[in-house]
Protein backbone atom coordinates (compact mmCIF):
# COMPACT_ATOMS: atom_id res chain seq x y z
CA MET A 1 100.55 134.71 138.06
CA ASN A 2 97.08 133.83 139.01
CA ASP A 3 96.36 132.42 135.55
CA LEU A 4 98.57 129.45 136.23
CA ILE A 5 96.84 128.21 139.41
CA ALA A 6 94.45 125.50 138.48
CA THR A 7 90.96 125.68 140.24
CA PRO A 8 89.20 122.60 141.01
CA LEU A 9 86.54 121.38 138.77
CA PRO A 10 82.98 120.63 139.75
CA VAL A 11 82.34 117.17 140.29
CA TRP A 12 80.07 116.64 137.30
CA ALA A 13 82.79 118.03 134.98
CA GLU A 14 85.32 115.68 136.52
CA ILE A 15 82.79 112.86 136.00
CA LEU A 16 82.15 113.58 132.32
CA THR A 17 85.85 114.39 131.45
CA ALA A 18 86.87 110.94 133.09
CA ALA A 19 84.11 108.96 131.44
CA PHE A 20 84.84 110.45 127.91
CA ALA A 21 88.54 110.05 128.50
CA VAL A 22 88.12 106.55 129.28
CA LEU A 23 85.65 105.69 126.76
CA GLY A 24 88.09 107.19 123.98
CA ALA A 25 90.84 104.88 125.57
CA ALA A 26 88.69 101.99 125.43
CA PHE A 27 87.66 102.43 121.53
CA ALA A 28 91.56 102.89 120.89
CA ALA A 29 92.21 99.62 122.77
CA ILE A 30 89.49 97.69 121.08
CA GLY A 31 90.74 98.96 117.67
CA SER A 32 94.19 97.95 118.57
CA PHE A 33 93.10 94.58 119.70
CA GLY A 34 91.15 94.28 116.17
CA LEU A 35 94.47 95.03 114.43
CA VAL A 36 96.35 92.45 116.31
CA ARG A 37 93.50 89.74 116.41
CA LEU A 38 92.07 89.42 113.03
CA PRO A 39 93.92 87.25 110.41
CA THR A 40 93.92 89.17 107.21
CA PHE A 41 95.04 92.52 106.07
CA PHE A 42 91.39 93.02 104.72
CA ARG A 43 89.84 92.31 108.00
CA ARG A 44 92.50 94.08 110.01
CA ILE A 45 92.15 97.35 108.12
CA HIS A 46 88.58 98.45 109.73
CA PRO A 47 88.97 98.27 113.55
CA PRO A 48 91.69 100.69 114.12
CA THR A 49 90.09 103.24 111.79
CA LEU A 50 87.06 103.19 113.93
CA GLY A 51 88.80 102.97 116.96
CA ALA A 52 90.88 105.96 116.10
CA THR A 53 88.22 108.01 114.83
CA LEU A 54 85.57 107.22 118.14
CA GLY A 55 88.74 107.58 120.28
CA VAL A 56 89.57 110.82 119.18
CA TRP A 57 86.03 112.11 119.25
CA SER A 58 85.48 110.93 122.86
CA ILE A 59 88.88 112.37 124.17
CA THR A 60 87.93 115.64 122.40
CA LEU A 61 84.66 115.77 124.18
CA ALA A 62 86.61 115.19 127.16
CA THR A 63 89.23 118.16 126.29
CA ILE A 64 86.22 120.43 125.61
CA ILE A 65 84.52 119.86 129.04
CA TYR A 66 87.73 120.00 130.94
CA PHE A 67 89.02 123.30 129.04
CA SER A 68 85.50 125.06 128.99
CA VAL A 69 84.81 124.60 132.60
CA GLN A 70 88.34 125.53 133.63
CA GLY A 71 88.81 128.34 131.54
CA GLY A 72 85.18 129.50 131.90
CA SER A 73 84.38 129.93 128.18
CA LEU A 74 83.72 127.58 125.18
CA PHE A 75 87.15 125.83 124.24
CA LEU A 76 86.90 124.26 120.63
CA HIS A 77 90.71 124.23 119.41
CA ALA A 78 90.64 120.58 119.99
CA VAL A 79 87.98 120.03 117.36
CA LEU A 80 90.56 121.24 114.48
CA ILE A 81 92.67 118.20 115.41
CA THR A 82 89.92 115.86 115.75
CA LEU A 83 88.51 117.00 112.41
CA PHE A 84 91.58 116.18 110.69
CA VAL A 85 92.05 112.80 112.35
CA ALA A 86 88.40 112.21 111.22
CA LEU A 87 89.03 113.51 107.80
CA SER A 88 92.40 111.78 107.37
CA ALA A 89 91.98 108.15 108.95
CA PRO A 90 89.19 107.10 106.33
CA VAL A 91 90.96 108.41 103.45
CA THR A 92 94.30 106.45 104.49
CA THR A 93 92.21 103.30 105.07
CA ILE A 94 90.79 103.88 101.43
CA PHE A 95 94.34 104.16 99.92
CA LEU A 96 95.76 101.16 101.92
CA MET A 97 92.68 98.86 100.75
CA ARG A 98 93.10 100.09 97.05
CA ALA A 99 96.92 99.48 97.14
CA ALA A 100 96.31 95.94 98.90
CA LEU A 101 93.86 95.23 96.29
CA PHE A 102 95.94 96.17 93.36
CA ARG A 103 98.76 94.00 95.00
CA GLU A 104 96.38 91.03 95.41
CA ARG A 105 95.26 91.25 92.03
CA LEU A 106 98.79 91.34 90.77
CA LYS A 107 99.65 88.33 92.46
CA GLY A 108 96.42 86.52 91.14
CA GLY A 109 94.63 86.46 94.38
CA ASN A 110 91.08 85.99 94.95
CA VAL A 111 89.77 89.48 95.29
CA PRO A 112 86.89 91.29 93.51
CA SER A 113 87.49 92.44 89.92
CA ALA A 114 87.97 96.25 89.31
CA ASP A 115 84.67 96.01 87.46
CA SER A 116 82.46 94.49 90.13
CA ARG A 117 80.26 96.86 91.81
């Protein structure tokens, strides 16, 4: 029963956890703002990817600090989630960009050709 009782964190751990959590939320909000604010799909695709990746890393650091101090041992389980997001978000962005470029080329839009490098 004593395992369920939370012990208070040291002040330094609370400050670091709060700072990384707020930083992660700020990155996610900035990425979302870029999604809403920018005019075209090609400009809108980049900020949410960066915001999600940086936001998840910051939240993960907050999680690692909190649970490591709380449990008394290094907590790295959250890194698995972060690695999944860090690997899948850029790959998804690449596929979305390629699909958008393909559609623009079919419509005759002004986009770089497939041969340009």
